[in-house]
Amino acid sequence: QVQLVESGGGLVQAGGSLRLSCAASGLSFSMYAMGWFRQAPGKEREFVAAVSRSGGNTGYADSLKDRFTISRDNAKTSVYLQMNSLKPEDTAVYYCAADLKRSYYSDRSQDYEIWGQGTQVTVSS
């Protein structure tokens, strides 16, 4: 069974940090580019960050690249999102996703075939 399971979300005060994890199972993890997306209430899902199959290339939403860092560990079939200096506007459900078609990465949600169930991040002011 192909599965992506996110963890690490929660409630944090503004200025704090969280590290999200996404554990993959049932797929050849190193063959997938991986991405993180988020969706706030009443808003569309938006791109956060992505990493290539090897982990050698990463991409970020322009507004987040100074605070967020994506990484992956193919041996542990996991991808991570380190989030620092969190702001209330970062409050959202965060999803990880897998893309088999590209060795590089995409910032388009429609390019990702497999999605996790999401983890809630709430940043209080």
C-alpha atoms as a PDB file:
ATOM      1  CA  GLN A   1       0.000   0.000   0.000  1.00  0.00           C
ATOM      2  CA  VAL A   2       1.426   3.317  -1.112  1.00  0.00           C
ATOM      3  CA  GLN A   3       1.280   5.805   1.719  1.00  0.00           C
ATOM      4  CA  LEU A   4       2.627   9.169   2.798  1.00  0.00           C
ATOM      5  CA  VAL A   5       2.173  10.030   6.465  1.00  0.00           C
ATOM      6  CA  GLU A   6       2.945  13.493   7.764  1.00  0.00           C
ATOM      7  CA  SER A   7       3.751  14.272  11.381  1.00  0.00           C
ATOM      8  CA  GLY A   8       5.204  17.056  13.484  1.00  0.00           C
ATOM      9  CA  GLY A   9       2.454  19.622  13.206  1.00  0.00           C
ATOM     10  CA  GLY A  10       0.975  21.367  16.191  1.00  0.00           C
ATOM     11  CA  LEU A  11       0.438  24.655  17.952  1.00  0.00           C
ATOM     12  CA  VAL A  12       3.377  27.031  18.221  1.00  0.00           C
ATOM     13  CA  GLN A  13       3.805  30.679  19.117  1.00  0.00           C
ATOM     14  CA  ALA A  14       4.873  33.199  16.540  1.00  0.00           C
ATOM     15  CA  GLY A  15       8.631  33.158  16.167  1.00  0.00           C
ATOM     16  CA  GLY A  16       8.858  29.495  17.030  1.00  0.00           C
ATOM     17  CA  SER A  17       9.933  26.516  14.947  1.00  0.00           C
ATOM     18  CA  LEU A  18       8.510  23.203  13.848  1.00  0.00           C
ATOM     19  CA  ARG A  19       9.933  20.301  11.904  1.00  0.00           C
ATOM     20  CA  LEU A  20       7.500  18.357   9.781  1.00  0.00           C
ATOM     21  CA  SER A  21       8.229  14.822   8.694  1.00  0.00           C
ATOM     22  CA  CYS A  22       6.698  12.750   5.941  1.00  0.00           C
ATOM     23  CA  ALA A  23       7.271   9.006   5.988  1.00  0.00           C
ATOM     24  CA  ALA A  24       6.742   7.129   2.743  1.00  0.00           C
ATOM     25  CA  SER A  25       5.946   3.461   2.366  1.00  0.00           C
ATOM     26  CA  GLY A  26       4.993   1.149  -0.451  1.00  0.00           C
ATOM     27  CA  LEU A  27       6.925   3.034  -3.129  1.00  0.00           C
ATOM     28  CA  SER A  28      10.461   3.331  -4.442  1.00  0.00           C
ATOM     29  CA  PHE A  29      11.054   6.543  -2.584  1.00  0.00           C
ATOM     30  CA  SER A  30      14.273   7.544  -4.306  1.00  0.00           C
ATOM     31  CA  MET A  31      12.447   7.547  -7.648  1.00  0.00           C
ATOM     32  CA  TYR A  32      10.125  10.354  -6.557  1.00  0.00           C
ATOM     33  CA  ALA A  33      10.625  14.055  -6.348  1.00  0.00           C
ATOM     34  CA  MET A  34       8.933  15.260  -3.159  1.00  0.00           C
ATOM     35  CA  GLY A  35       7.073  18.416  -2.317  1.00  0.00           C
ATOM     36  CA  TRP A  36       5.359  20.193   0.520  1.00  0.00           C
ATOM     37  CA  PHE A  37       2.185  22.176  -0.010  1.00  0.00           C
ATOM     38  CA  ARG A  38      -0.142  23.927   2.388  1.00  0.00           C
ATOM     39  CA  GLN A  39      -3.740  25.002   2.487  1.00  0.00           C
ATOM     40  CA  ALA A  40      -5.162  27.595   4.820  1.00  0.00           C
ATOM     41  CA  PRO A  41      -8.901  27.854   5.533  1.00  0.00           C
ATOM     42  CA  GLY A  42     -10.723  29.445   2.631  1.00  0.00           C
ATOM     43  CA  LYS A  43      -7.622  29.496   0.446  1.00  0.00           C
ATOM     44  CA  GLU A  44      -6.271  27.390  -2.370  1.00  0.00           C
ATOM     45  CA  ARG A  45      -3.504  24.892  -1.844  1.00  0.00           C
ATOM     46  CA  GLU A  46      -0.128  26.522  -2.385  1.00  0.00           C
ATOM     47  CA  PHE A  47       3.394  25.360  -3.030  1.00  0.00           C
ATOM     48  CA  VAL A  48       5.813  25.510  -0.123  1.00  0.00           C
ATOM     49  CA  ALA A  49       8.964  23.621  -1.109  1.00  0.00           C
ATOM     50  CA  ALA A  50      10.191  20.678  -3.149  1.00  0.00           C
ATOM     51  CA  VAL A  51      13.264  18.505  -3.494  1.00  0.00           C
ATOM     52  CA  SER A  52      14.594  16.425  -6.354  1.00  0.00           C
ATOM     53  CA  ARG A  53      14.988  12.657  -6.247  1.00  0.00           C
ATOM     54  CA  SER A  54      18.565  12.801  -5.103  1.00  0.00           C
ATOM     55  CA  GLY A  55      18.062  15.692  -2.735  1.00  0.00           C
ATOM     56  CA  GLY A  56      20.582  17.746  -4.628  1.00  0.00           C
ATOM     57  CA  ASN A  57      18.123  20.350  -5.847  1.00  0.00           C
ATOM     58  CA  THR A  58      15.543  22.206  -3.838  1.00  0.00           C
ATOM     59  CA  GLY A  59      12.982  24.889  -4.570  1.00  0.00           C
ATOM     60  CA  TYR A  60      10.887  27.169  -2.412  1.00  0.00           C
ATOM     61  CA  ALA A  61       8.040  29.592  -2.602  1.00  0.00           C
ATOM     62  CA  ASP A  62       9.716  32.974  -2.795  1.00  0.00           C
ATOM     63  CA  SER A  63       8.075  34.218   0.384  1.00  0.00           C
ATOM     64  CA  LEU A  64       9.242  31.202   2.407  1.00  0.00           C
ATOM     65  CA  LYS A  65      12.774  30.437   1.272  1.00  0.00           C
ATOM     66  CA  ASP A  66      14.430  32.428   4.040  1.00  0.00           C
ATOM     67  CA  ARG A  67      12.576  30.581   6.801  1.00  0.00           C
ATOM     68  CA  PHE A  68      11.833  27.072   5.539  1.00  0.00           C
ATOM     69  CA  THR A  69      14.210  24.260   4.612  1.00  0.00           C
ATOM     70  CA  ILE A  70      13.303  21.029   2.859  1.00  0.00           C
ATOM     71  CA  SER A  71      15.435  17.911   3.056  1.00  0.00           C
ATOM     72  CA  ARG A  72      15.114  14.202   2.442  1.00  0.00           C
ATOM     73  CA  ASP A  73      16.694  10.991   3.620  1.00  0.00           C
ATOM     74  CA  ASN A  74      16.264   8.290   0.993  1.00  0.00           C
ATOM     75  CA  ALA A  75      17.574   5.624   3.354  1.00  0.00           C
ATOM     76  CA  LYS A  76      14.762   6.467   5.767  1.00  0.00           C
ATOM     77  CA  THR A  77      12.246   7.095   2.947  1.00  0.00           C
ATOM     78  CA  SER A  78      11.366  10.401   4.523  1.00  0.00           C
ATOM     79  CA  VAL A  79      11.182  14.064   3.634  1.00  0.00           C
ATOM     80  CA  TYR A  80      11.334  16.896   6.123  1.00  0.00           C
ATOM     81  CA  LEU A  81      10.350  20.536   6.340  1.00  0.00           C
ATOM     82  CA  GLN A  82      12.119  22.696   8.893  1.00  0.00           C
ATOM     83  CA  MET A  83      10.092  25.816   9.570  1.00  0.00           C
ATOM     84  CA  ASN A  84      11.642  28.691  11.520  1.00  0.00           C
ATOM     85  CA  SER A  85      10.432  32.122  12.573  1.00  0.00           C
ATOM     86  CA  LEU A  86       6.858  31.014  12.143  1.00  0.00           C
ATOM     87  CA  LYS A  87       4.139  33.585  11.610  1.00  0.00           C
ATOM     88  CA  PRO A  88       0.386  33.412  12.129  1.00  0.00           C
ATOM     89  CA  GLU A  89      -0.050  33.462   8.360  1.00  0.00           C
ATOM     90  CA  ASP A  90       1.801  30.127   8.202  1.00  0.00           C
ATOM     91  CA  THR A  91      -1.220  28.505   9.827  1.00  0.00           C
ATOM     92  CA  ALA A  92      -2.465  25.814   7.464  1.00  0.00           C
ATOM     93  CA  VAL A  93      -2.700  22.107   6.834  1.00  0.00           C
ATOM     94  CA  TYR A  94       0.613  20.982   5.410  1.00  0.00           C
ATOM     95  CA  TYR A  95       0.726  18.150   2.891  1.00  0.00           C
ATOM     96  CA  CYS A  96       3.601  16.191   1.455  1.00  0.00           C
ATOM     97  CA  ALA A  97       3.345  14.811  -2.054  1.00  0.00           C
ATOM     98  CA  ALA A  98       5.294  12.555  -4.389  1.00  0.00           C
ATOM     99  CA  ASP A  99       5.986  13.008  -8.102  1.00  0.00           C
ATOM    100  CA  LEU A 100       7.290  10.048 -10.088  1.00  0.00           C
ATOM    101  CA  LYS A 101       7.514  11.745 -13.471  1.00  0.00           C
ATOM    102  CA  ARG A 102      10.245  14.272 -12.824  1.00  0.00           C
ATOM    103  CA  SER A 103      13.762  13.739 -11.529  1.00  0.00           C
ATOM    104  CA  TYR A 104      13.886  17.438 -10.791  1.00  0.00           C
ATOM    105  CA  TYR A 105      10.895  18.948  -8.968  1.00  0.00           C
ATOM    106  CA  SER A 106       7.736  20.846  -9.718  1.00  0.00           C
ATOM    107  CA  ASP A 107       5.926  23.617  -7.882  1.00  0.00           C
ATOM    108  CA  ARG A 108       2.570  22.610  -9.392  1.00  0.00           C
ATOM    109  CA  SER A 109       0.258  20.494  -7.274  1.00  0.00           C
ATOM    110  CA  GLN A 110      -1.205  18.804 -10.363  1.00  0.00           C
ATOM    111  CA  ASP A 111       2.185  17.223 -11.095  1.00  0.00           C
ATOM    112  CA  TYR A 112       2.125  15.174  -7.889  1.00  0.00           C
ATOM    113  CA  GLU A 113       0.448  11.775  -7.943  1.00  0.00           C
ATOM    114  CA  ILE A 114       0.524  10.742  -4.307  1.00  0.00           C
ATOM    115  CA  TRP A 115      -0.542  12.829  -1.329  1.00  0.00           C
ATOM    116  CA  GLY A 116      -0.505  12.462   2.416  1.00  0.00           C
ATOM    117  CA  GLN A 117      -3.430  13.229   4.666  1.00  0.00           C
ATOM    118  CA  GLY A 118      -1.903  16.443   5.976  1.00  0.00           C
ATOM    119  CA  THR A 119      -0.797  17.759   9.340  1.00  0.00           C
ATOM    120  CA  GLN A 120      -2.177  20.886  10.991  1.00  0.00           C
ATOM    121  CA  VAL A 121       0.163  23.731  11.844  1.00  0.00           C
ATOM    122  CA  THR A 122      -1.262  26.542  13.937  1.00  0.00           C
ATOM    123  CA  VAL A 123       0.801  29.602  14.791  1.00  0.00           C
ATOM    124  CA  SER A 124      -0.555  31.848  17.519  1.00  0.00           C
ATOM    125  CA  SER A 125       0.228  35.543  17.723  1.00  0.00           C
END
